[in-house]
């Protein structure tokens, strides 16, 4: 029997060790989270430490009072170039981001240390697996909420596009510090892409890696 080892079936990204893990988040997926968080965003600050070309930061600016966006690499979007893991980081209310998969655990732990109200990370659903992540994160600091997308969130390497398909499933992991520590609550994000896409989300961006 021939084993199917395609990246689609394996639900993994094959990236070089030093890759920037450049997979921009579709704006509608960030809006789904912000609507779920609700009116608490209006007076809160938020940090996006993996800002890339700014697709997530632009949506956060629609909801939050103040947005601080940065990245370790200059993608030409005008954000501060900053090493989030090892540089100085002041506290913020929320940290919301799409962490590089290889360093997602470290990014989440850093965010939990420096966020007063909450943390949200969009990750592959398979991120919930893993003995190391269980010992280092989930057993000690489990998320308060898991928001599983019912629609596939399509992320293309190096570009944002309204088209395409994927075999990879994504969810938001949320640590809401206003909630008492208890077992995580599981939620499905109902189909919402059409309702949450806005004019201009992909304008001048689709099919290219332009800034």
N, C-alpha and C. Protein backbone atom coordinates (compact mmCIF):
# COMPACT_ATOMS: atom_id res chain seq x y z
N UNK A 1 0.85 -1.19 0.00
CA UNK A 1 0.00 0.00 0.00
C UNK A 1 0.89 1.24 0.00
N UNK A 2 0.57 2.23 -0.84
CA UNK A 2 1.33 3.47 -0.91
C UNK A 2 0.74 4.47 0.07
N UNK A 3 1.60 5.01 0.89
CA UNK A 3 1.13 5.96 1.90
C UNK A 3 1.01 7.35 1.28
N UNK A 4 -0.11 8.03 1.55
CA UNK A 4 -0.32 9.39 1.07
C UNK A 4 0.35 10.36 2.03
N UNK A 5 1.39 11.03 1.57
CA UNK A 5 2.12 11.95 2.45
C UNK A 5 2.04 13.37 1.93
N UNK A 6 0.99 13.68 1.19
CA UNK A 6 0.84 15.04 0.68
C UNK A 6 0.67 16.00 1.85
N UNK A 7 1.09 17.26 1.66
CA UNK A 7 0.97 18.25 2.73
C UNK A 7 -0.49 18.53 3.05
N UNK A 8 -1.39 18.40 2.07
CA UNK A 8 -2.81 18.65 2.34
C UNK A 8 -3.35 17.61 3.29
N UNK A 9 -3.05 16.35 3.02
CA UNK A 9 -3.55 15.28 3.88
C UNK A 9 -2.91 15.36 5.26
N UNK A 10 -1.62 15.66 5.30
CA UNK A 10 -0.91 15.71 6.58
C UNK A 10 -1.25 16.96 7.37
N UNK A 11 -1.92 17.95 6.74
CA UNK A 11 -2.27 19.21 7.40
C UNK A 11 -1.05 19.84 8.06
N UNK A 12 -0.03 20.07 7.26
CA UNK A 12 1.15 20.70 7.81
C UNK A 12 1.75 21.64 6.78
N UNK A 13 2.52 22.58 7.26
CA UNK A 13 3.27 23.46 6.39
C UNK A 13 4.71 22.99 6.37
N UNK A 14 5.27 22.87 5.20
CA UNK A 14 6.67 22.49 5.09
C UNK A 14 7.48 23.76 4.89
N UNK A 15 8.19 24.17 5.91
CA UNK A 15 8.92 25.42 5.89
C UNK A 15 10.36 25.19 6.30
N UNK A 16 11.32 25.92 5.68
CA UNK A 16 12.70 25.83 6.15
C UNK A 16 12.80 26.26 7.61
N UNK A 17 13.87 25.82 8.27
CA UNK A 17 14.03 26.11 9.69
C UNK A 17 14.04 27.61 9.97
N UNK A 18 14.61 28.40 9.04
CA UNK A 18 14.72 29.83 9.26
C UNK A 18 13.61 30.61 8.56
N UNK A 19 12.52 29.93 8.19
CA UNK A 19 11.43 30.59 7.49
C UNK A 19 10.73 31.60 8.38
N UNK A 20 10.21 32.67 7.76
CA UNK A 20 9.44 33.67 8.49
C UNK A 20 7.99 33.21 8.71
N UNK A 21 7.62 32.08 8.14
CA UNK A 21 6.26 31.55 8.29
C UNK A 21 5.24 32.60 7.87
N UNK A 22 5.36 33.04 6.63
CA UNK A 22 4.59 34.15 6.09
C UNK A 22 3.26 33.66 5.52
N UNK A 23 2.24 33.56 6.37
CA UNK A 23 0.91 33.12 5.96
C UNK A 23 -0.11 34.13 6.48
N UNK A 24 -0.42 35.19 5.71
CA UNK A 24 -1.33 36.24 6.18
C UNK A 24 -2.72 35.70 6.52
N UNK A 25 -3.32 36.29 7.54
CA UNK A 25 -4.65 35.88 8.01
C UNK A 25 -5.74 36.63 7.26
N UNK A 26 -6.71 35.94 6.67
CA UNK A 26 -7.82 36.63 6.01
C UNK A 26 -8.56 37.54 6.99
N UNK A 27 -8.88 38.76 6.58
CA UNK A 27 -9.53 39.71 7.51
C UNK A 27 -10.80 39.18 8.15
N UNK A 28 -11.60 38.42 7.41
CA UNK A 28 -12.87 37.96 7.98
C UNK A 28 -12.65 37.07 9.20
N UNK A 29 -11.54 36.32 9.23
CA UNK A 29 -11.27 35.43 10.36
C UNK A 29 -10.97 36.22 11.62
N UNK A 30 -10.32 37.39 11.47
CA UNK A 30 -10.06 38.24 12.62
C UNK A 30 -11.34 38.93 13.09
N UNK A 31 -12.18 39.35 12.15
CA UNK A 31 -13.46 39.97 12.54
C UNK A 31 -14.33 39.00 13.33
N UNK A 32 -14.28 37.72 12.97
CA UNK A 32 -15.07 36.73 13.71
C UNK A 32 -14.66 36.71 15.18
N UNK A 33 -13.36 36.78 15.44
CA UNK A 33 -12.89 36.81 16.83
C UNK A 33 -13.33 38.09 17.52
N UNK A 34 -13.13 39.23 16.88
CA UNK A 34 -13.45 40.51 17.53
C UNK A 34 -14.92 40.62 17.85
N UNK A 35 -15.76 40.12 16.98
CA UNK A 35 -17.20 40.14 17.27
C UNK A 35 -17.51 39.21 18.44
N UNK A 36 -16.79 38.11 18.54
CA UNK A 36 -17.01 37.20 19.66
C UNK A 36 -16.57 37.84 20.98
N UNK A 37 -15.45 38.55 20.99
CA UNK A 37 -14.99 39.24 22.21
C UNK A 37 -16.02 40.28 22.63
N UNK A 38 -16.56 41.01 21.66
CA UNK A 38 -17.63 41.94 21.96
C UNK A 38 -17.18 43.34 22.36
N UNK A 39 -18.03 44.08 23.07
CA UNK A 39 -17.79 45.51 23.32
C UNK A 39 -16.60 45.82 24.21
N UNK A 40 -16.00 44.83 24.84
CA UNK A 40 -14.82 45.10 25.67
C UNK A 40 -13.66 45.66 24.86
N UNK A 41 -13.69 45.48 23.54
CA UNK A 41 -12.60 45.97 22.72
C UNK A 41 -12.58 47.50 22.62
N UNK A 42 -13.71 48.14 22.83
CA UNK A 42 -13.85 49.57 22.53
C UNK A 42 -12.89 50.43 23.33
N UNK A 43 -12.64 50.07 24.58
CA UNK A 43 -11.75 50.87 25.43
C UNK A 43 -10.44 50.16 25.71
N UNK A 44 -10.12 49.14 24.97
CA UNK A 44 -8.93 48.32 25.25
C UNK A 44 -7.84 48.54 24.21
N UNK A 45 -6.61 48.32 24.64
CA UNK A 45 -5.47 48.31 23.73
C UNK A 45 -5.18 46.87 23.33
N UNK A 46 -4.57 46.71 22.17
CA UNK A 46 -4.25 45.37 21.68
C UNK A 46 -2.88 45.40 21.01
N UNK A 47 -2.14 44.34 21.19
CA UNK A 47 -0.84 44.20 20.54
C UNK A 47 -0.92 43.09 19.49
N UNK A 48 -0.32 43.35 18.32
CA UNK A 48 -0.20 42.35 17.26
C UNK A 48 1.30 42.22 16.96
N UNK A 49 1.99 41.26 17.56
CA UNK A 49 3.45 41.19 17.44
C UNK A 49 3.94 40.45 16.21
N UNK A 50 3.02 39.94 15.37
CA UNK A 50 3.40 39.25 14.13
C UNK A 50 2.65 39.91 12.98
N UNK A 51 2.81 41.22 12.85
CA UNK A 51 1.91 42.03 12.02
C UNK A 51 2.04 41.79 10.52
N UNK A 52 3.20 41.27 10.07
CA UNK A 52 3.31 40.95 8.65
C UNK A 52 3.02 42.20 7.83
N UNK A 53 2.11 42.12 6.88
CA UNK A 53 1.75 43.26 6.04
C UNK A 53 0.56 44.05 6.59
N UNK A 54 0.07 43.66 7.75
CA UNK A 54 -0.93 44.47 8.44
C UNK A 54 -2.37 44.08 8.26
N UNK A 55 -2.65 42.90 7.70
CA UNK A 55 -4.03 42.51 7.45
C UNK A 55 -4.82 42.32 8.75
N UNK A 56 -4.20 41.70 9.75
CA UNK A 56 -4.88 41.53 11.03
C UNK A 56 -4.94 42.84 11.79
N UNK A 57 -3.85 43.60 11.78
CA UNK A 57 -3.81 44.86 12.51
C UNK A 57 -4.88 45.83 12.00
N UNK A 58 -5.12 45.84 10.69
CA UNK A 58 -6.14 46.73 10.13
C UNK A 58 -7.52 46.39 10.67
N UNK A 59 -7.81 45.11 10.82
CA UNK A 59 -9.11 44.71 11.37
C UNK A 59 -9.17 45.04 12.86
N UNK A 60 -8.11 44.78 13.60
CA UNK A 60 -8.11 45.11 15.02
C UNK A 60 -8.37 46.60 15.24
N UNK A 61 -7.89 47.42 14.31
CA UNK A 61 -8.11 48.87 14.42
C UNK A 61 -9.58 49.24 14.24
N UNK A 62 -10.37 48.35 13.65
CA UNK A 62 -11.80 48.60 13.52
C UNK A 62 -12.53 48.43 14.85
N UNK A 63 -11.92 47.69 15.78
CA UNK A 63 -12.61 47.32 17.02
C UNK A 63 -11.96 47.89 18.28
N UNK A 64 -10.64 47.94 18.32
CA UNK A 64 -9.94 48.31 19.54
C UNK A 64 -9.60 49.79 19.59
N UNK A 65 -9.46 50.28 20.81
CA UNK A 65 -9.16 51.70 21.03
C UNK A 65 -7.75 52.04 20.54
N UNK A 66 -6.81 51.12 20.77
CA UNK A 66 -5.42 51.37 20.40
C UNK A 66 -4.78 50.07 19.92
N UNK A 67 -4.05 50.13 18.82
CA UNK A 67 -3.40 48.96 18.25
C UNK A 67 -1.90 49.20 18.17
N UNK A 68 -1.12 48.27 18.72
CA UNK A 68 0.33 48.31 18.59
C UNK A 68 0.76 47.12 17.73
N UNK A 69 1.30 47.41 16.56
CA UNK A 69 1.66 46.36 15.61
C UNK A 69 3.17 46.38 15.36
N UNK A 70 3.75 45.19 15.31
CA UNK A 70 5.19 45.07 15.04
C UNK A 70 5.47 43.70 14.44
N UNK A 71 6.69 43.51 13.98
CA UNK A 71 7.11 42.22 13.45
C UNK A 71 8.63 42.16 13.52
N UNK A 72 9.17 40.96 13.50
CA UNK A 72 10.62 40.81 13.54
C UNK A 72 11.24 41.13 12.18
N UNK A 73 10.42 41.16 11.12
CA UNK A 73 10.90 41.44 9.77
C UNK A 73 10.12 42.62 9.21
N UNK A 74 10.79 43.46 8.43
CA UNK A 74 10.15 44.62 7.82
C UNK A 74 9.50 44.22 6.50
N UNK A 75 8.18 44.10 6.50
CA UNK A 75 7.45 43.76 5.28
C UNK A 75 7.06 45.00 4.48
N UNK A 76 7.49 46.17 4.93
CA UNK A 76 7.22 47.40 4.21
C UNK A 76 5.91 48.06 4.56
N UNK A 77 5.27 47.62 5.62
CA UNK A 77 3.97 48.19 6.01
C UNK A 77 4.10 49.33 7.02
N UNK A 78 5.32 49.65 7.41
CA UNK A 78 5.53 50.78 8.32
C UNK A 78 5.47 50.44 9.79
N UNK A 79 5.43 49.15 10.14
CA UNK A 79 5.37 48.77 11.55
C UNK A 79 6.78 48.72 12.16
N UNK A 80 6.82 48.81 13.47
CA UNK A 80 8.10 48.71 14.17
C UNK A 80 8.68 47.32 13.97
N UNK A 81 9.99 47.25 13.79
CA UNK A 81 10.68 45.97 13.70
C UNK A 81 11.16 45.62 15.10
N UNK A 82 10.63 44.52 15.65
CA UNK A 82 10.85 44.22 17.06
C UNK A 82 10.91 42.71 17.27
N UNK A 83 11.82 42.29 18.12
CA UNK A 83 11.93 40.89 18.52
C UNK A 83 11.02 40.68 19.72
N UNK A 84 9.86 40.10 19.47
CA UNK A 84 8.85 39.97 20.52
C UNK A 84 9.28 39.01 21.62
N UNK A 85 9.98 37.96 21.27
CA UNK A 85 10.32 36.95 22.27
C UNK A 85 11.45 37.40 23.20
N UNK A 86 12.40 38.16 22.69
CA UNK A 86 13.59 38.46 23.48
C UNK A 86 13.82 39.94 23.72
N UNK A 87 13.03 40.80 23.11
CA UNK A 87 13.16 42.23 23.36
C UNK A 87 12.27 42.67 24.52
N UNK A 88 12.42 43.95 24.95
CA UNK A 88 11.56 44.47 26.02
C UNK A 88 10.12 44.62 25.55
N UNK A 89 9.17 44.22 26.39
CA UNK A 89 7.75 44.29 26.04
C UNK A 89 6.98 44.83 27.24
N UNK A 90 6.29 45.94 27.05
CA UNK A 90 5.42 46.47 28.10
C UNK A 90 4.08 45.72 28.08
N UNK A 91 3.33 45.86 29.17
CA UNK A 91 2.02 45.22 29.23
C UNK A 91 1.03 45.90 28.29
N UNK A 92 0.08 45.15 27.81
CA UNK A 92 -1.03 45.65 27.03
C UNK A 92 -2.29 44.98 27.54
N UNK A 93 -3.47 45.42 27.07
CA UNK A 93 -4.70 44.77 27.51
C UNK A 93 -4.86 43.40 26.86
N UNK A 94 -4.81 43.38 25.53
CA UNK A 94 -4.95 42.13 24.78
C UNK A 94 -3.75 41.92 23.87
N UNK A 95 -3.43 40.67 23.60
CA UNK A 95 -2.51 40.31 22.53
C UNK A 95 -3.24 39.35 21.61
N UNK A 96 -3.32 39.71 20.33
CA UNK A 96 -4.03 38.91 19.33
C UNK A 96 -3.12 38.74 18.13
N UNK A 97 -2.93 37.49 17.68
CA UNK A 97 -1.93 37.28 16.65
C UNK A 97 -2.06 35.91 16.00
N UNK A 98 -1.34 35.77 14.88
CA UNK A 98 -1.18 34.51 14.17
C UNK A 98 0.30 34.13 14.33
N UNK A 99 0.62 33.36 15.35
CA UNK A 99 2.04 33.11 15.64
C UNK A 99 2.69 32.18 14.63
N UNK A 100 3.99 32.34 14.40
CA UNK A 100 4.69 31.35 13.56
C UNK A 100 4.58 29.98 14.22
N UNK A 101 4.24 28.97 13.43
CA UNK A 101 3.88 27.68 14.03
C UNK A 101 5.00 27.10 14.87
N UNK A 102 6.24 27.20 14.40
CA UNK A 102 7.35 26.59 15.13
C UNK A 102 7.57 27.25 16.49
N UNK A 103 7.17 28.53 16.62
CA UNK A 103 7.40 29.27 17.85
C UNK A 103 6.10 29.64 18.55
N UNK A 104 5.00 29.03 18.16
CA UNK A 104 3.70 29.42 18.70
C UNK A 104 3.64 29.28 20.21
N UNK A 105 4.19 28.20 20.74
CA UNK A 105 4.18 28.00 22.18
C UNK A 105 4.88 29.14 22.90
N UNK A 106 6.07 29.50 22.43
CA UNK A 106 6.83 30.57 23.07
C UNK A 106 6.10 31.91 22.95
N UNK A 107 5.49 32.16 21.78
CA UNK A 107 4.77 33.42 21.60
C UNK A 107 3.57 33.50 22.54
N UNK A 108 2.85 32.40 22.69
CA UNK A 108 1.68 32.42 23.57
C UNK A 108 2.09 32.62 25.02
N UNK A 109 3.15 31.95 25.46
CA UNK A 109 3.62 32.13 26.83
C UNK A 109 4.05 33.57 27.09
N UNK A 110 4.72 34.18 26.11
CA UNK A 110 5.12 35.58 26.24
C UNK A 110 3.91 36.48 26.32
N UNK A 111 2.91 36.20 25.49
CA UNK A 111 1.69 37.01 25.50
C UNK A 111 0.95 36.90 26.82
N UNK A 112 0.90 35.70 27.39
CA UNK A 112 0.22 35.52 28.68
C UNK A 112 0.90 36.32 29.78
N UNK A 113 2.21 36.48 29.69
CA UNK A 113 2.97 37.24 30.69
C UNK A 113 2.71 38.74 30.59
N UNK A 114 2.37 39.22 29.39
CA UNK A 114 2.37 40.67 29.15
C UNK A 114 1.00 41.21 28.75
N UNK A 115 -0.07 40.43 28.94
CA UNK A 115 -1.42 40.86 28.57
C UNK A 115 -2.31 40.86 29.81
N UNK A 116 -2.94 41.98 30.07
CA UNK A 116 -3.73 42.13 31.29
C UNK A 116 -5.12 41.52 31.19
N UNK A 117 -5.73 41.60 30.00
CA UNK A 117 -7.11 41.15 29.87
C UNK A 117 -7.26 39.83 29.11
N UNK A 118 -6.40 39.60 28.14
CA UNK A 118 -6.57 38.36 27.41
C UNK A 118 -5.59 38.18 26.27
N UNK A 119 -5.59 36.97 25.75
CA UNK A 119 -4.73 36.58 24.63
C UNK A 119 -5.58 35.75 23.68
N UNK A 120 -5.37 35.95 22.37
CA UNK A 120 -6.03 35.12 21.37
C UNK A 120 -5.04 34.82 20.26
N UNK A 121 -4.91 33.55 19.92
CA UNK A 121 -4.00 33.12 18.87
C UNK A 121 -4.76 32.23 17.90
N UNK A 122 -4.63 32.51 16.61
CA UNK A 122 -5.21 31.64 15.60
C UNK A 122 -4.16 30.59 15.25
N UNK A 123 -4.54 29.34 15.40
CA UNK A 123 -3.60 28.23 15.20
C UNK A 123 -4.28 27.11 14.43
N UNK A 124 -3.48 26.23 13.85
CA UNK A 124 -4.05 25.03 13.29
C UNK A 124 -4.70 24.22 14.41
N UNK A 125 -5.82 23.61 14.13
CA UNK A 125 -6.52 22.84 15.15
C UNK A 125 -5.62 21.73 15.72
N UNK A 126 -4.73 21.21 14.90
CA UNK A 126 -3.81 20.17 15.36
C UNK A 126 -2.83 20.67 16.41
N UNK A 127 -2.77 22.00 16.61
CA UNK A 127 -1.92 22.55 17.66
C UNK A 127 -2.36 22.06 19.04
N UNK A 128 -3.64 21.67 19.16
CA UNK A 128 -4.15 21.17 20.43
C UNK A 128 -3.54 19.83 20.81
N UNK A 129 -2.93 19.16 19.83
CA UNK A 129 -2.24 17.89 20.10
C UNK A 129 -0.81 18.19 20.55
N UNK A 130 -0.16 17.18 21.10
CA UNK A 130 1.26 17.29 21.41
C UNK A 130 1.54 17.19 22.90
N UNK A 131 2.39 16.25 23.25
CA UNK A 131 2.73 16.04 24.66
C UNK A 131 3.48 17.25 25.22
N UNK A 132 4.40 17.80 24.42
CA UNK A 132 5.17 18.96 24.88
C UNK A 132 4.28 20.15 25.15
N UNK A 133 3.36 20.46 24.23
CA UNK A 133 2.46 21.59 24.45
C UNK A 133 1.53 21.33 25.62
N UNK A 134 1.14 20.08 25.81
CA UNK A 134 0.29 19.78 26.97
C UNK A 134 1.02 20.08 28.28
N UNK A 135 2.28 19.61 28.38
CA UNK A 135 3.02 19.82 29.62
C UNK A 135 3.39 21.29 29.83
N UNK A 136 3.79 21.97 28.75
CA UNK A 136 4.32 23.33 28.89
C UNK A 136 3.25 24.41 28.88
N UNK A 137 2.06 24.10 28.35
CA UNK A 137 1.04 25.13 28.22
C UNK A 137 -0.33 24.67 28.71
N UNK A 138 -0.89 23.66 28.06
CA UNK A 138 -2.30 23.36 28.30
C UNK A 138 -2.60 22.83 29.70
N UNK A 139 -1.67 22.08 30.30
CA UNK A 139 -1.94 21.56 31.64
C UNK A 139 -1.81 22.66 32.69
N UNK A 140 -0.95 23.64 32.45
CA UNK A 140 -0.72 24.70 33.42
C UNK A 140 -1.59 25.93 33.16
N UNK A 141 -1.75 26.29 31.89
CA UNK A 141 -2.51 27.49 31.53
C UNK A 141 -3.41 27.17 30.34
N UNK A 142 -4.45 26.39 30.54
CA UNK A 142 -5.32 26.05 29.41
C UNK A 142 -6.09 27.27 28.93
N UNK A 143 -6.44 27.33 27.66
CA UNK A 143 -7.27 28.43 27.19
C UNK A 143 -8.64 28.37 27.84
N UNK A 144 -9.25 29.53 27.99
CA UNK A 144 -10.61 29.56 28.54
C UNK A 144 -11.62 29.18 27.47
N UNK A 145 -11.27 29.44 26.20
CA UNK A 145 -12.21 29.20 25.11
C UNK A 145 -11.47 28.72 23.87
N UNK A 146 -12.09 27.77 23.17
CA UNK A 146 -11.60 27.29 21.88
C UNK A 146 -12.68 27.59 20.86
N UNK A 147 -12.34 28.38 19.85
CA UNK A 147 -13.30 28.79 18.83
C UNK A 147 -12.93 28.10 17.52
N UNK A 148 -13.64 27.07 17.19
CA UNK A 148 -13.34 26.27 16.01
C UNK A 148 -14.11 26.79 14.80
N UNK A 149 -13.37 27.11 13.73
CA UNK A 149 -14.03 27.54 12.49
C UNK A 149 -14.74 26.35 11.85
N UNK A 150 -15.98 26.57 11.40
CA UNK A 150 -16.68 25.55 10.63
C UNK A 150 -16.36 25.68 9.14
N UNK A 151 -15.94 26.88 8.72
CA UNK A 151 -15.46 27.09 7.36
C UNK A 151 -13.93 27.03 7.38
N UNK A 152 -13.34 26.62 6.28
CA UNK A 152 -11.89 26.59 6.20
C UNK A 152 -11.35 28.01 6.02
N UNK A 153 -10.34 28.33 6.80
CA UNK A 153 -9.65 29.62 6.70
C UNK A 153 -8.45 29.40 5.79
N UNK A 154 -8.51 29.97 4.60
CA UNK A 154 -7.47 29.72 3.60
C UNK A 154 -6.34 30.72 3.80
N UNK A 155 -5.15 30.21 4.06
CA UNK A 155 -3.96 31.04 4.20
C UNK A 155 -2.94 30.62 3.15
N UNK A 156 -2.55 31.55 2.30
CA UNK A 156 -1.57 31.29 1.26
C UNK A 156 -0.20 31.81 1.71
N UNK A 157 0.83 31.13 1.35
CA UNK A 157 2.19 31.57 1.68
C UNK A 157 2.50 32.87 0.93
N UNK A 158 2.82 33.90 1.69
CA UNK A 158 3.31 35.14 1.13
C UNK A 158 2.29 36.05 0.49
N UNK A 159 1.00 35.73 0.58
CA UNK A 159 0.02 36.58 -0.08
C UNK A 159 -1.36 36.38 0.54
N UNK A 160 -2.20 37.38 0.35
CA UNK A 160 -3.59 37.32 0.78
C UNK A 160 -4.46 37.18 -0.46
N UNK A 161 -5.38 36.24 -0.45
CA UNK A 161 -6.23 36.01 -1.61
C UNK A 161 -7.61 35.58 -1.17
N UNK A 162 -8.62 36.02 -1.93
CA UNK A 162 -10.00 35.62 -1.65
C UNK A 162 -10.30 34.24 -2.20
N UNK A 163 -9.38 33.69 -2.99
CA UNK A 163 -9.62 32.41 -3.64
C UNK A 163 -8.72 31.33 -3.04
N UNK A 164 -9.08 30.10 -3.32
CA UNK A 164 -8.24 28.99 -2.89
C UNK A 164 -8.96 28.04 -1.96
N UNK A 165 -8.30 26.96 -1.65
CA UNK A 165 -8.84 25.96 -0.74
C UNK A 165 -7.71 25.41 0.11
N UNK A 166 -8.07 24.71 1.16
CA UNK A 166 -7.05 24.16 2.05
C UNK A 166 -7.61 22.93 2.75
N UNK A 167 -6.73 22.03 3.15
CA UNK A 167 -7.11 20.88 3.97
C UNK A 167 -6.83 21.14 5.44
N UNK A 168 -6.34 22.33 5.75
CA UNK A 168 -5.94 22.64 7.12
C UNK A 168 -7.08 23.33 7.87
N UNK A 169 -7.33 22.86 9.06
CA UNK A 169 -8.38 23.41 9.92
C UNK A 169 -7.76 24.37 10.94
N UNK A 170 -8.44 25.48 11.19
CA UNK A 170 -7.93 26.48 12.14
C UNK A 170 -8.96 26.76 13.23
N UNK A 171 -8.44 27.24 14.35
CA UNK A 171 -9.30 27.69 15.45
C UNK A 171 -8.61 28.85 16.16
N UNK A 172 -9.39 29.61 16.89
CA UNK A 172 -8.84 30.61 17.80
C UNK A 172 -8.74 30.01 19.19
N UNK A 173 -7.60 30.15 19.83
CA UNK A 173 -7.45 29.83 21.24
C UNK A 173 -7.47 31.14 22.02
N UNK A 174 -8.34 31.21 23.02
CA UNK A 174 -8.52 32.46 23.78
C UNK A 174 -8.25 32.21 25.25
N UNK A 175 -7.47 33.08 25.84
CA UNK A 175 -7.25 33.11 27.28
C UNK A 175 -7.89 34.39 27.79
N UNK A 176 -9.08 34.30 28.34
CA UNK A 176 -9.84 35.45 28.83
C UNK A 176 -9.59 35.56 30.32
N UNK A 177 -8.82 36.56 30.73
CA UNK A 177 -8.42 36.66 32.13
C UNK A 177 -9.54 37.15 33.04
N UNK A 178 -10.66 37.54 32.46
CA UNK A 178 -11.81 37.90 33.28
C UNK A 178 -12.58 36.68 33.75
N UNK A 179 -12.28 35.53 33.17
CA UNK A 179 -12.96 34.30 33.55
C UNK A 179 -12.15 33.54 34.59
N UNK A 180 -12.80 32.93 35.56
CA UNK A 180 -12.08 32.07 36.51
C UNK A 180 -11.44 30.90 35.78
N UNK A 181 -10.33 30.42 36.30
CA UNK A 181 -9.67 29.26 35.71
C UNK A 181 -10.59 28.04 35.83
N UNK A 182 -10.86 27.41 34.70
CA UNK A 182 -11.71 26.23 34.69
C UNK A 182 -11.48 25.51 33.36
N UNK A 183 -12.25 24.48 33.11
CA UNK A 183 -12.09 23.75 31.87
C UNK A 183 -12.43 24.64 30.68
N UNK A 184 -11.70 24.51 29.57
CA UNK A 184 -11.99 25.34 28.39
C UNK A 184 -13.41 25.10 27.87
N UNK A 185 -14.00 26.17 27.37
CA UNK A 185 -15.29 26.07 26.71
C UNK A 185 -15.05 25.94 25.20
N UNK A 186 -15.77 25.06 24.57
CA UNK A 186 -15.62 24.84 23.13
C UNK A 186 -16.78 25.49 22.39
N UNK A 187 -16.43 26.25 21.34
CA UNK A 187 -17.44 26.93 20.53
C UNK A 187 -17.17 26.63 19.06
N UNK A 188 -18.22 26.57 18.27
CA UNK A 188 -18.07 26.56 16.82
C UNK A 188 -18.33 27.97 16.32
N UNK A 189 -17.48 28.45 15.43
CA UNK A 189 -17.75 29.71 14.73
C UNK A 189 -18.61 29.35 13.52
N UNK A 190 -19.87 29.76 13.51
CA UNK A 190 -20.75 29.36 12.41
C UNK A 190 -20.28 29.98 11.09
N UNK A 191 -20.74 29.46 9.97
CA UNK A 191 -20.36 30.04 8.69
C UNK A 191 -20.61 31.55 8.69
N UNK A 192 -19.56 32.33 8.40
CA UNK A 192 -19.69 33.78 8.51
C UNK A 192 -18.82 34.53 7.51
N UNK A 193 -18.08 33.82 6.68
CA UNK A 193 -17.14 34.50 5.79
C UNK A 193 -17.84 35.55 4.93
N UNK A 194 -18.91 35.18 4.27
CA UNK A 194 -19.59 36.12 3.38
C UNK A 194 -20.07 37.35 4.13
N UNK A 195 -20.56 37.15 5.35
CA UNK A 195 -21.08 38.27 6.12
C UNK A 195 -19.97 39.19 6.64
N UNK A 196 -18.79 38.63 6.85
CA UNK A 196 -17.72 39.40 7.49
C UNK A 196 -16.67 39.94 6.53
N UNK A 197 -16.71 39.52 5.28
CA UNK A 197 -15.80 40.13 4.31
C UNK A 197 -16.28 41.53 3.97
N UNK A 198 -15.33 42.46 3.85
CA UNK A 198 -15.66 43.85 3.61
C UNK A 198 -15.05 44.32 2.29
N UNK A 199 -15.65 45.32 1.65
CA UNK A 199 -15.06 45.87 0.42
C UNK A 199 -13.63 46.35 0.70
N UNK A 200 -12.73 46.00 -0.18
CA UNK A 200 -11.35 46.43 -0.01
C UNK A 200 -10.46 45.48 0.74
N UNK A 201 -11.03 44.41 1.30
CA UNK A 201 -10.21 43.45 2.05
C UNK A 201 -9.08 42.87 1.21
N UNK A 202 -9.38 42.61 -0.07
CA UNK A 202 -8.39 41.97 -0.94
C UNK A 202 -7.95 42.89 -2.07
N UNK A 203 -8.47 44.09 -2.09
CA UNK A 203 -8.20 45.01 -3.19
C UNK A 203 -6.71 45.33 -3.28
N UNK A 204 -6.13 45.11 -4.44
CA UNK A 204 -4.72 45.40 -4.65
C UNK A 204 -3.80 44.41 -4.00
N UNK A 205 -4.36 43.32 -3.40
CA UNK A 205 -3.54 42.36 -2.67
C UNK A 205 -3.65 40.96 -3.24
N UNK A 206 -4.78 40.68 -3.87
CA UNK A 206 -5.05 39.31 -4.27
C UNK A 206 -4.03 38.81 -5.28
N UNK A 207 -3.49 37.63 -5.00
CA UNK A 207 -2.59 36.98 -5.94
C UNK A 207 -1.19 37.54 -5.95
N UNK A 208 -0.85 38.43 -5.00
CA UNK A 208 0.49 38.98 -4.98
C UNK A 208 0.97 39.12 -3.56
N UNK A 209 2.25 39.35 -3.42
CA UNK A 209 2.84 39.57 -2.11
C UNK A 209 3.19 41.03 -1.91
N UNK A 210 2.46 41.91 -2.60
CA UNK A 210 2.74 43.35 -2.47
C UNK A 210 2.38 43.83 -1.08
N UNK A 211 3.07 44.86 -0.62
CA UNK A 211 2.81 45.40 0.71
C UNK A 211 1.59 46.31 0.66
